[in-house]
Amino acid sequence: MRAEVTANTCFGTAANVCAHVDPFFAGLTGRTDEVKQHCRTELQSRADDLDAGRATTTMPQDVREAA
């Protein structure tokens, strides 16, 4: 029976990937507040960048009445 391999050859077998990745995900459960804060900070930074980009590319509207 052949071992299941991953598409990325540096990882080797799927079992090897699980051996390294599973502890990482298991550790997240003990750090939920930290993870939530990081995700919110990252998302807020991206939103701020998006707002800044819109401010520089949005054309001001002419609100004067047409004569």
N, C-alpha and C. Protein backbone atom coordinates (compact mmCIF):
# COMPACT_ATOMS: atom_id res chain seq x y z
N MET A 1 0.85 -1.18 0.00
CA MET A 1 0.00 0.00 0.00
C MET A 1 0.90 1.25 0.00
N ARG A 2 0.58 2.20 -0.86
CA ARG A 2 1.38 3.42 -0.96
C ARG A 2 0.84 4.48 -0.01
N ALA A 3 1.75 5.29 0.51
CA ALA A 3 1.34 6.40 1.39
C ALA A 3 0.76 7.52 0.53
N GLU A 4 -0.24 8.16 1.04
CA GLU A 4 -0.84 9.28 0.34
C GLU A 4 0.16 10.45 0.35
N VAL A 5 0.41 11.01 -0.82
CA VAL A 5 1.37 12.11 -0.92
C VAL A 5 0.65 13.42 -1.17
N THR A 6 1.32 14.51 -0.84
CA THR A 6 0.75 15.83 -1.08
C THR A 6 1.25 16.36 -2.42
N ALA A 7 0.60 17.40 -2.92
CA ALA A 7 1.01 18.00 -4.19
C ALA A 7 2.35 18.70 -4.04
N ASN A 8 2.65 19.17 -2.86
CA ASN A 8 3.91 19.86 -2.60
C ASN A 8 4.91 18.82 -2.08
N THR A 9 5.92 18.53 -2.86
CA THR A 9 6.84 17.45 -2.51
C THR A 9 7.66 17.71 -1.26
N CYS A 10 7.83 18.97 -0.87
CA CYS A 10 8.62 19.22 0.34
C CYS A 10 7.90 18.77 1.60
N PHE A 11 6.57 18.61 1.54
CA PHE A 11 5.82 18.14 2.70
C PHE A 11 5.86 16.63 2.83
N GLY A 12 6.07 15.93 1.73
CA GLY A 12 6.09 14.47 1.77
C GLY A 12 4.68 13.91 1.82
N THR A 13 4.41 13.09 2.81
CA THR A 13 3.13 12.41 2.89
C THR A 13 2.09 13.26 3.60
N ALA A 14 0.84 12.91 3.37
CA ALA A 14 -0.26 13.59 4.06
C ALA A 14 -0.15 13.40 5.57
N ALA A 15 0.34 12.24 5.99
CA ALA A 15 0.50 11.98 7.43
C ALA A 15 1.55 12.93 8.03
N ASN A 16 2.58 13.24 7.27
CA ASN A 16 3.61 14.17 7.74
C ASN A 16 3.03 15.58 7.87
N VAL A 17 2.22 15.96 6.93
CA VAL A 17 1.56 17.27 7.00
C VAL A 17 0.69 17.34 8.25
N CYS A 18 -0.12 16.33 8.46
CA CYS A 18 -1.01 16.29 9.63
C CYS A 18 -0.22 16.35 10.93
N ALA A 19 0.92 15.68 10.96
CA ALA A 19 1.73 15.67 12.18
C ALA A 19 2.22 17.07 12.54
N HIS A 20 2.41 17.93 11.55
CA HIS A 20 2.90 19.28 11.80
C HIS A 20 1.78 20.30 11.91
N VAL A 21 0.73 20.13 11.13
CA VAL A 21 -0.35 21.12 11.08
C VAL A 21 -1.37 20.94 12.20
N ASP A 22 -1.67 19.72 12.54
CA ASP A 22 -2.68 19.46 13.58
C ASP A 22 -2.37 20.14 14.91
N PRO A 23 -1.12 20.09 15.39
CA PRO A 23 -0.84 20.78 16.66
C PRO A 23 -1.05 22.30 16.56
N PHE A 24 -0.76 22.86 15.40
CA PHE A 24 -0.99 24.30 15.21
C PHE A 24 -2.47 24.63 15.38
N PHE A 25 -3.32 23.88 14.68
CA PHE A 25 -4.76 24.15 14.78
C PHE A 25 -5.29 23.84 16.17
N ALA A 26 -4.78 22.82 16.81
CA ALA A 26 -5.20 22.51 18.17
C ALA A 26 -4.82 23.64 19.11
N GLY A 27 -3.67 24.27 18.88
CA GLY A 27 -3.23 25.38 19.72
C GLY A 27 -4.08 26.63 19.56
N LEU A 28 -4.77 26.76 18.43
CA LEU A 28 -5.61 27.94 18.22
C LEU A 28 -6.77 28.01 19.20
N THR A 29 -7.25 26.87 19.64
CA THR A 29 -8.39 26.86 20.56
C THR A 29 -8.06 27.52 21.88
N GLY A 30 -6.79 27.48 22.27
CA GLY A 30 -6.38 28.12 23.52
C GLY A 30 -6.02 29.59 23.34
N ARG A 31 -6.04 30.05 22.10
CA ARG A 31 -5.66 31.44 21.82
C ARG A 31 -6.76 32.19 21.06
N THR A 32 -8.02 31.88 21.31
CA THR A 32 -9.09 32.46 20.51
C THR A 32 -9.13 33.98 20.60
N ASP A 33 -8.93 34.55 21.78
CA ASP A 33 -8.96 36.01 21.90
C ASP A 33 -7.83 36.65 21.09
N GLU A 34 -6.66 36.07 21.16
CA GLU A 34 -5.51 36.59 20.40
C GLU A 34 -5.77 36.49 18.89
N VAL A 35 -6.30 35.36 18.46
CA VAL A 35 -6.57 35.15 17.04
C VAL A 35 -7.65 36.11 16.55
N LYS A 36 -8.71 36.28 17.32
CA LYS A 36 -9.78 37.21 16.93
C LYS A 36 -9.25 38.62 16.82
N GLN A 37 -8.43 39.05 17.79
CA GLN A 37 -7.88 40.40 17.76
C GLN A 37 -6.99 40.59 16.54
N HIS A 38 -6.16 39.60 16.24
CA HIS A 38 -5.28 39.70 15.07
C HIS A 38 -6.10 39.80 13.79
N CYS A 39 -7.12 38.96 13.68
CA CYS A 39 -7.95 38.98 12.47
C CYS A 39 -8.67 40.31 12.34
N ARG A 40 -9.22 40.83 13.41
CA ARG A 40 -9.91 42.12 13.35
C ARG A 40 -8.93 43.23 12.96
N THR A 41 -7.73 43.21 13.54
CA THR A 41 -6.73 44.23 13.22
C THR A 41 -6.35 44.15 11.75
N GLU A 42 -6.13 42.96 11.25
CA GLU A 42 -5.75 42.77 9.85
C GLU A 42 -6.88 43.23 8.93
N LEU A 43 -8.11 42.84 9.24
CA LEU A 43 -9.24 43.24 8.41
C LEU A 43 -9.47 44.75 8.47
N GLN A 44 -9.31 45.35 9.64
CA GLN A 44 -9.48 46.78 9.77
C GLN A 44 -8.41 47.53 8.98
N SER A 45 -7.19 47.04 9.01
CA SER A 45 -6.12 47.66 8.23
C SER A 45 -6.44 47.62 6.75
N ARG A 46 -6.95 46.51 6.29
CA ARG A 46 -7.31 46.39 4.87
C ARG A 46 -8.46 47.32 4.53
N ALA A 47 -9.43 47.44 5.42
CA ALA A 47 -10.56 48.34 5.19
C ALA A 47 -10.09 49.79 5.15
N ASP A 48 -9.19 50.15 6.05
CA ASP A 48 -8.65 51.51 6.07
C ASP A 48 -7.90 51.81 4.78
N ASP A 49 -7.10 50.85 4.31
CA ASP A 49 -6.37 51.03 3.05
C ASP A 49 -7.34 51.18 1.88
N LEU A 50 -8.41 50.42 1.91
CA LEU A 50 -9.41 50.50 0.85
C LEU A 50 -10.08 51.87 0.86
N ASP A 51 -10.43 52.36 2.03
CA ASP A 51 -11.04 53.69 2.14
C ASP A 51 -10.08 54.77 1.65
N ALA A 52 -8.80 54.66 1.99
CA ALA A 52 -7.81 55.64 1.55
C ALA A 52 -7.67 55.62 0.03
N GLY A 53 -7.70 54.44 -0.54
CA GLY A 53 -7.62 54.31 -1.99
C GLY A 53 -8.82 54.92 -2.68
N ARG A 54 -9.97 54.72 -2.12
CA ARG A 54 -11.19 55.30 -2.71
C ARG A 54 -11.16 56.82 -2.63
N ALA A 55 -10.65 57.35 -1.53
CA ALA A 55 -10.61 58.80 -1.36
C ALA A 55 -9.72 59.45 -2.41
N THR A 56 -8.67 58.78 -2.83
CA THR A 56 -7.77 59.36 -3.82
C THR A 56 -8.23 59.13 -5.25
N THR A 57 -9.12 58.18 -5.47
CA THR A 57 -9.55 57.90 -6.84
C THR A 57 -10.97 58.37 -7.14
N THR A 58 -11.71 58.80 -6.15
CA THR A 58 -13.08 59.25 -6.36
C THR A 58 -13.08 60.69 -6.85
N MET A 59 -13.83 60.91 -7.91
CA MET A 59 -13.95 62.27 -8.46
C MET A 59 -15.01 63.02 -7.67
N PRO A 60 -14.72 64.26 -7.29
CA PRO A 60 -15.75 65.04 -6.59
C PRO A 60 -16.92 65.33 -7.53
N GLN A 61 -18.10 65.34 -6.98
CA GLN A 61 -19.30 65.59 -7.79
C GLN A 61 -19.62 67.07 -7.79
N ASP A 62 -20.04 67.57 -8.95
CA ASP A 62 -20.43 68.96 -9.08
C ASP A 62 -21.91 69.04 -8.71
N VAL A 63 -22.20 69.72 -7.61
CA VAL A 63 -23.58 69.78 -7.11
C VAL A 63 -24.28 71.08 -7.49
N ARG A 64 -23.62 71.89 -8.31
CA ARG A 64 -24.27 73.14 -8.73
C ARG A 64 -25.41 72.84 -9.68
N GLU A 65 -26.41 73.68 -9.63
CA GLU A 65 -27.54 73.52 -10.53
C GLU A 65 -27.14 73.88 -11.95
N ALA A 66 -27.67 73.12 -12.89
CA ALA A 66 -27.39 73.41 -14.29
C ALA A 66 -28.16 74.67 -14.67
N ALA A 67 -27.52 75.57 -15.40
CA ALA A 67 -28.17 76.83 -15.76
C ALA A 67 -28.86 76.75 -17.09
